[in-house]
Amino acid sequence: MKKATELRELSADELKQEEANLKKELFNLQFRKVTGEIENPMRIRQVRKGIARVLTIMNEKSRSKAE
């Protein structure tokens, strides 16, 4: 999981790619949870927070361009 300072250094395209990767991981984790194969259920929470972090930084960058 990348920290906010690391994410701020990425470009917009790299942030979109990071978001897509995290959403794919979240889908796979939720699928494994339903089938009972998940080994670390707390990972779902971590990935959701990671997605929120990426979206927040994307929003910050878009607002700074608008000003």
PDB file of N, CA and C in Angstrom:
ATOM      1  N   MET A   1       0.850  -1.172   0.000  1.00  0.00           N
ATOM      2  CA  MET A   1       0.000   0.000   0.000  1.00  0.00           C
ATOM      3  C   MET A   1       0.893   1.232   0.000  1.00  0.00           C
ATOM      4  N   LYS A   2       0.628   2.124  -0.930  1.00  0.00           N
ATOM      5  CA  LYS A   2       1.422   3.339  -1.025  1.00  0.00           C
ATOM      6  C   LYS A   2       0.877   4.403  -0.084  1.00  0.00           C
ATOM      7  N   LYS A   3       1.808   5.212   0.415  1.00  0.00           N
ATOM      8  CA  LYS A   3       1.416   6.311   1.296  1.00  0.00           C
ATOM      9  C   LYS A   3       1.016   7.509   0.460  1.00  0.00           C
ATOM     10  N   ALA A   4       0.356   8.471   1.084  1.00  0.00           N
ATOM     11  CA  ALA A   4      -0.140   9.649   0.388  1.00  0.00           C
ATOM     12  C   ALA A   4       0.998  10.447  -0.236  1.00  0.00           C
ATOM     13  N   THR A   5       2.125  10.549   0.445  1.00  0.00           N
ATOM     14  CA  THR A   5       3.250  11.310  -0.114  1.00  0.00           C
ATOM     15  C   THR A   5       3.774  10.660  -1.379  1.00  0.00           C
ATOM     16  N   GLU A   6       3.791   9.336  -1.422  1.00  0.00           N
ATOM     17  CA  GLU A   6       4.232   8.624  -2.623  1.00  0.00           C
ATOM     18  C   GLU A   6       3.232   8.814  -3.753  1.00  0.00           C
ATOM     19  N   LEU A   7       1.931   8.817  -3.414  1.00  0.00           N
ATOM     20  CA  LEU A   7       0.906   8.959  -4.435  1.00  0.00           C
ATOM     21  C   LEU A   7       0.902  10.368  -5.036  1.00  0.00           C
ATOM     22  N   ARG A   8       1.236  11.376  -4.242  1.00  0.00           N
ATOM     23  CA  ARG A   8       1.242  12.751  -4.748  1.00  0.00           C
ATOM     24  C   ARG A   8       2.313  12.958  -5.816  1.00  0.00           C
ATOM     25  N   GLU A   9       3.337  12.124  -5.824  1.00  0.00           N
ATOM     26  CA  GLU A   9       4.411  12.229  -6.807  1.00  0.00           C
ATOM     27  C   GLU A   9       4.029  11.618  -8.151  1.00  0.00           C
ATOM     28  N   LEU A  10       2.945  10.861  -8.201  1.00  0.00           N
ATOM     29  CA  LEU A  10       2.535  10.183  -9.422  1.00  0.00           C
ATOM     30  C   LEU A  10       1.752  11.127 -10.337  1.00  0.00           C
ATOM     31  N   SER A  11       1.761  10.804 -11.629  1.00  0.00           N
ATOM     32  CA  SER A  11       0.982  11.588 -12.590  1.00  0.00           C
ATOM     33  C   SER A  11      -0.479  11.134 -12.540  1.00  0.00           C
ATOM     34  N   ALA A  12      -1.337  11.860 -13.248  1.00  0.00           N
ATOM     35  CA  ALA A  12      -2.770  11.534 -13.258  1.00  0.00           C
ATOM     36  C   ALA A  12      -3.018  10.137 -13.841  1.00  0.00           C
ATOM     37  N   ASP A  13      -2.288   9.800 -14.914  1.00  0.00           N
ATOM     38  CA  ASP A  13      -2.464   8.473 -15.522  1.00  0.00           C
ATOM     39  C   ASP A  13      -2.014   7.363 -14.582  1.00  0.00           C
ATOM     40  N   GLU A  14      -0.928   7.603 -13.874  1.00  0.00           N
ATOM     41  CA  GLU A  14      -0.444   6.599 -12.924  1.00  0.00           C
ATOM     42  C   GLU A  14      -1.418   6.434 -11.766  1.00  0.00           C
ATOM     43  N   LEU A  15      -2.044   7.529 -11.342  1.00  0.00           N
ATOM     44  CA  LEU A  15      -3.049   7.432 -10.279  1.00  0.00           C
ATOM     45  C   LEU A  15      -4.262   6.648 -10.745  1.00  0.00           C
ATOM     46  N   LYS A  16      -4.685   6.856 -11.987  1.00  0.00           N
ATOM     47  CA  LYS A  16      -5.821   6.099 -12.525  1.00  0.00           C
ATOM     48  C   LYS A  16      -5.488   4.612 -12.588  1.00  0.00           C
ATOM     49  N   GLN A  17      -4.248   4.294 -12.956  1.00  0.00           N
ATOM     50  CA  GLN A  17      -3.815   2.900 -13.024  1.00  0.00           C
ATOM     51  C   GLN A  17      -3.790   2.284 -11.619  1.00  0.00           C
ATOM     52  N   GLU A  18      -3.308   3.040 -10.653  1.00  0.00           N
ATOM     53  CA  GLU A  18      -3.282   2.571  -9.267  1.00  0.00           C
ATOM     54  C   GLU A  18      -4.706   2.303  -8.768  1.00  0.00           C
ATOM     55  N   GLU A  19      -5.632   3.206  -9.103  1.00  0.00           N
ATOM     56  CA  GLU A  19      -7.037   3.024  -8.710  1.00  0.00           C
ATOM     57  C   GLU A  19      -7.606   1.752  -9.336  1.00  0.00           C
ATOM     58  N   ALA A  20      -7.330   1.543 -10.605  1.00  0.00           N
ATOM     59  CA  ALA A  20      -7.835   0.349 -11.285  1.00  0.00           C
ATOM     60  C   ALA A  20      -7.274  -0.922 -10.648  1.00  0.00           C
ATOM     61  N   ASN A  21      -5.993  -0.901 -10.318  1.00  0.00           N
ATOM     62  CA  ASN A  21      -5.375  -2.070  -9.683  1.00  0.00           C
ATOM     63  C   ASN A  21      -5.999  -2.362  -8.326  1.00  0.00           C
ATOM     64  N   LEU A  22      -6.229  -1.311  -7.552  1.00  0.00           N
ATOM     65  CA  LEU A  22      -6.831  -1.502  -6.227  1.00  0.00           C
ATOM     66  C   LEU A  22      -8.270  -1.996  -6.334  1.00  0.00           C
ATOM     67  N   LYS A  23      -9.021  -1.481  -7.294  1.00  0.00           N
ATOM     68  CA  LYS A  23     -10.408  -1.938  -7.462  1.00  0.00           C
ATOM     69  C   LYS A  23     -10.447  -3.398  -7.887  1.00  0.00           C
ATOM     70  N   LYS A  24      -9.498  -3.807  -8.725  1.00  0.00           N
ATOM     71  CA  LYS A  24      -9.431  -5.206  -9.145  1.00  0.00           C
ATOM     72  C   LYS A  24      -9.092  -6.094  -7.950  1.00  0.00           C
ATOM     73  N   GLU A  25      -8.153  -5.637  -7.125  1.00  0.00           N
ATOM     74  CA  GLU A  25      -7.793  -6.393  -5.929  1.00  0.00           C
ATOM     75  C   GLU A  25      -8.976  -6.489  -4.968  1.00  0.00           C
ATOM     76  N   LEU A  26      -9.714  -5.400  -4.806  1.00  0.00           N
ATOM     77  CA  LEU A  26     -10.881  -5.402  -3.925  1.00  0.00           C
ATOM     78  C   LEU A  26     -11.923  -6.399  -4.417  1.00  0.00           C
ATOM     79  N   PHE A  27     -12.169  -6.417  -5.718  1.00  0.00           N
ATOM     80  CA  PHE A  27     -13.132  -7.364  -6.278  1.00  0.00           C
ATOM     81  C   PHE A  27     -12.702  -8.801  -5.967  1.00  0.00           C
ATOM     82  N   ASN A  28     -11.418  -9.087  -6.180  1.00  0.00           N
ATOM     83  CA  ASN A  28     -10.924 -10.442  -5.920  1.00  0.00           C
ATOM     84  C   ASN A  28     -11.028 -10.803  -4.440  1.00  0.00           C
ATOM     85  N   LEU A  29     -10.733  -9.851  -3.568  1.00  0.00           N
ATOM     86  CA  LEU A  29     -10.840 -10.116  -2.134  1.00  0.00           C
ATOM     87  C   LEU A  29     -12.283 -10.372  -1.724  1.00  0.00           C
ATOM     88  N   GLN A  30     -13.220  -9.580  -2.250  1.00  0.00           N
ATOM     89  CA  GLN A  30     -14.625  -9.776  -1.924  1.00  0.00           C
ATOM     90  C   GLN A  30     -15.122 -11.118  -2.443  1.00  0.00           C
ATOM     91  N   PHE A  31     -14.645 -11.513  -3.611  1.00  0.00           N
ATOM     92  CA  PHE A  31     -15.020 -12.810  -4.172  1.00  0.00           C
ATOM     93  C   PHE A  31     -14.509 -13.936  -3.272  1.00  0.00           C
ATOM     94  N   ARG A  32     -13.249 -13.830  -2.832  1.00  0.00           N
ATOM     95  CA  ARG A  32     -12.683 -14.851  -1.955  1.00  0.00           C
ATOM     96  C   ARG A  32     -13.383 -14.870  -0.598  1.00  0.00           C
ATOM     97  N   LYS A  33     -13.864 -13.717  -0.130  1.00  0.00           N
ATOM     98  CA  LYS A  33     -14.578 -13.675   1.146  1.00  0.00           C
ATOM     99  C   LYS A  33     -15.887 -14.450   1.052  1.00  0.00           C
ATOM    100  N   VAL A  34     -16.595 -14.264  -0.053  1.00  0.00           N
ATOM    101  CA  VAL A  34     -17.871 -14.950  -0.242  1.00  0.00           C
ATOM    102  C   VAL A  34     -17.673 -16.455  -0.329  1.00  0.00           C
ATOM    103  N   THR A  35     -16.598 -16.880  -0.987  1.00  0.00           N
ATOM    104  CA  THR A  35     -16.350 -18.318  -1.136  1.00  0.00           C
ATOM    105  C   THR A  35     -15.653 -18.918   0.079  1.00  0.00           C
ATOM    106  N   GLY A  36     -15.276 -18.066   1.049  1.00  0.00           N
ATOM    107  CA  GLY A  36     -14.661 -18.559   2.265  1.00  0.00           C
ATOM    108  C   GLY A  36     -13.184 -18.855   2.151  1.00  0.00           C
ATOM    109  N   GLU A  37     -12.517 -18.352   1.122  1.00  0.00           N
ATOM    110  CA  GLU A  37     -11.099 -18.648   0.912  1.00  0.00           C
ATOM    111  C   GLU A  37     -10.172 -17.534   1.375  1.00  0.00           C
ATOM    112  N   ILE A  38     -10.710 -16.475   1.937  1.00  0.00           N
ATOM    113  CA  ILE A  38      -9.879 -15.319   2.288  1.00  0.00           C
ATOM    114  C   ILE A  38      -9.049 -15.633   3.531  1.00  0.00           C
ATOM    115  N   GLU A  39      -7.750 -15.287   3.460  1.00  0.00           N
ATOM    116  CA  GLU A  39      -6.874 -15.565   4.584  1.00  0.00           C
ATOM    117  C   GLU A  39      -6.743 -14.352   5.513  1.00  0.00           C
ATOM    118  N   ASN A  40      -6.913 -13.124   4.985  1.00  0.00           N
ATOM    119  CA  ASN A  40      -6.792 -11.912   5.803  1.00  0.00           C
ATOM    120  C   ASN A  40      -7.944 -10.965   5.471  1.00  0.00           C
ATOM    121  N   PRO A  41      -9.058 -11.071   6.189  1.00  0.00           N
ATOM    122  CA  PRO A  41     -10.215 -10.227   5.887  1.00  0.00           C
ATOM    123  C   PRO A  41      -9.957  -8.737   6.100  1.00  0.00           C
ATOM    124  N   MET A  42      -8.982  -8.361   6.916  1.00  0.00           N
ATOM    125  CA  MET A  42      -8.671  -6.947   7.134  1.00  0.00           C
ATOM    126  C   MET A  42      -8.064  -6.304   5.890  1.00  0.00           C
ATOM    127  N   ARG A  43      -7.581  -7.112   4.974  1.00  0.00           N
ATOM    128  CA  ARG A  43      -7.001  -6.574   3.739  1.00  0.00           C
ATOM    129  C   ARG A  43      -8.064  -5.818   2.935  1.00  0.00           C
ATOM    130  N   ILE A  44      -9.330  -6.235   3.020  1.00  0.00           N
ATOM    131  CA  ILE A  44     -10.413  -5.552   2.313  1.00  0.00           C
ATOM    132  C   ILE A  44     -10.497  -4.105   2.788  1.00  0.00           C
ATOM    133  N   ARG A  45     -10.417  -3.902   4.085  1.00  0.00           N
ATOM    134  CA  ARG A  45     -10.480  -2.550   4.646  1.00  0.00           C
ATOM    135  C   ARG A  45      -9.286  -1.711   4.180  1.00  0.00           C
ATOM    136  N   GLN A  46      -8.110  -2.320   4.170  1.00  0.00           N
ATOM    137  CA  GLN A  46      -6.907  -1.609   3.737  1.00  0.00           C
ATOM    138  C   GLN A  46      -7.015  -1.181   2.277  1.00  0.00           C
ATOM    139  N   VAL A  47      -7.535  -2.045   1.437  1.00  0.00           N
ATOM    140  CA  VAL A  47      -7.660  -1.736   0.010  1.00  0.00           C
ATOM    141  C   VAL A  47      -8.694  -0.637  -0.200  1.00  0.00           C
ATOM    142  N   ARG A  48      -9.803  -0.695   0.537  1.00  0.00           N
ATOM    143  CA  ARG A  48     -10.821   0.361   0.415  1.00  0.00           C
ATOM    144  C   ARG A  48     -10.242   1.713   0.816  1.00  0.00           C
ATOM    145  N   LYS A  49      -9.452   1.743   1.875  1.00  0.00           N
ATOM    146  CA  LYS A  49      -8.810   2.992   2.289  1.00  0.00           C
ATOM    147  C   LYS A  49      -7.811   3.458   1.242  1.00  0.00           C
ATOM    148  N   GLY A  50      -7.130   2.517   0.609  1.00  0.00           N
ATOM    149  CA  GLY A  50      -6.183   2.865  -0.452  1.00  0.00           C
ATOM    150  C   GLY A  50      -6.885   3.503  -1.641  1.00  0.00           C
ATOM    151  N   ILE A  51      -8.047   2.969  -2.006  1.00  0.00           N
ATOM    152  CA  ILE A  51      -8.832   3.538  -3.100  1.00  0.00           C
ATOM    153  C   ILE A  51      -9.263   4.951  -2.740  1.00  0.00           C
ATOM    154  N   ALA A  52      -9.732   5.135  -1.514  1.00  0.00           N
ATOM    155  CA  ALA A  52     -10.158   6.467  -1.069  1.00  0.00           C
ATOM    156  C   ALA A  52      -8.984   7.440  -1.088  1.00  0.00           C
ATOM    157  N   ARG A  53      -7.810   6.982  -0.700  1.00  0.00           N
ATOM    158  CA  ARG A  53      -6.618   7.829  -0.697  1.00  0.00           C
ATOM    159  C   ARG A  53      -6.270   8.271  -2.122  1.00  0.00           C
ATOM    160  N   VAL A  54      -6.309   7.339  -3.063  1.00  0.00           N
ATOM    161  CA  VAL A  54      -6.005   7.670  -4.459  1.00  0.00           C
ATOM    162  C   VAL A  54      -7.019   8.670  -5.002  1.00  0.00           C
ATOM    163  N   LEU A  55      -8.304   8.424  -4.740  1.00  0.00           N
ATOM    164  CA  LEU A  55      -9.344   9.331  -5.233  1.00  0.00           C
ATOM    165  C   LEU A  55      -9.203  10.726  -4.627  1.00  0.00           C
ATOM    166  N   THR A  56      -8.833  10.800  -3.357  1.00  0.00           N
ATOM    167  CA  THR A  56      -8.642  12.095  -2.702  1.00  0.00           C
ATOM    168  C   THR A  56      -7.517  12.873  -3.369  1.00  0.00           C
ATOM    169  N   ILE A  57      -6.418  12.208  -3.639  1.00  0.00           N
ATOM    170  CA  ILE A  57      -5.276  12.884  -4.260  1.00  0.00           C
ATOM    171  C   ILE A  57      -5.599  13.288  -5.697  1.00  0.00           C
ATOM    172  N   MET A  58      -6.343  12.449  -6.407  1.00  0.00           N
ATOM    173  CA  MET A  58      -6.763  12.814  -7.764  1.00  0.00           C
ATOM    174  C   MET A  58      -7.632  14.074  -7.712  1.00  0.00           C
ATOM    175  N   ASN A  59      -8.515  14.144  -6.725  1.00  0.00           N
ATOM    176  CA  ASN A  59      -9.392  15.299  -6.557  1.00  0.00           C
ATOM    177  C   ASN A  59      -8.577  16.551  -6.205  1.00  0.00           C
ATOM    178  N   GLU A  60      -7.587  16.404  -5.346  1.00  0.00           N
ATOM    179  CA  GLU A  60      -6.719  17.522  -4.984  1.00  0.00           C
ATOM    180  C   GLU A  60      -6.004  18.072  -6.205  1.00  0.00           C
ATOM    181  N   LYS A  61      -5.488  17.159  -7.027  1.00  0.00           N
ATOM    182  CA  LYS A  61      -4.755  17.586  -8.224  1.00  0.00           C
ATOM    183  C   LYS A  61      -5.665  18.285  -9.221  1.00  0.00           C
ATOM    184  N   SER A  62      -6.885  17.781  -9.388  1.00  0.00           N
ATOM    185  CA  SER A  62      -7.800  18.400 -10.337  1.00  0.00           C
ATOM    186  C   SER A  62      -8.237  19.782  -9.849  1.00  0.00           C
ATOM    187  N   ARG A  63      -8.399  19.947  -8.538  1.00  0.00           N
ATOM    188  CA  ARG A  63      -8.764  21.251  -7.979  1.00  0.00           C
ATOM    189  C   ARG A  63      -7.637  22.256  -8.117  1.00  0.00           C
ATOM    190  N   SER A  64      -6.418  21.796  -7.953  1.00  0.00           N
ATOM    191  CA  SER A  64      -5.292  22.728  -8.063  1.00  0.00           C
ATOM    192  C   SER A  64      -5.103  23.211  -9.506  1.00  0.00           C
ATOM    193  N   LYS A  65      -5.445  22.377 -10.468  1.00  0.00           N
ATOM    194  CA  LYS A  65      -5.381  22.790 -11.876  1.00  0.00           C
ATOM    195  C   LYS A  65      -6.468  23.795 -12.216  1.00  0.00           C
ATOM    196  N   ALA A  66      -7.628  23.650 -11.581  1.00  0.00           N
ATOM    197  CA  ALA A  66      -8.761  24.526 -11.864  1.00  0.00           C
ATOM    198  C   ALA A  66      -8.550  25.940 -11.321  1.00  0.00           C
ATOM    199  N   GLU A  67      -7.742  26.060 -10.314  1.00  0.00           N
ATOM    200  CA  GLU A  67      -7.541  27.383  -9.692  1.00  0.00           C
ATOM    201  C   GLU A  67      -6.527  28.202 -10.436  1.00  0.00           C
TER     202      GLU A  67
END
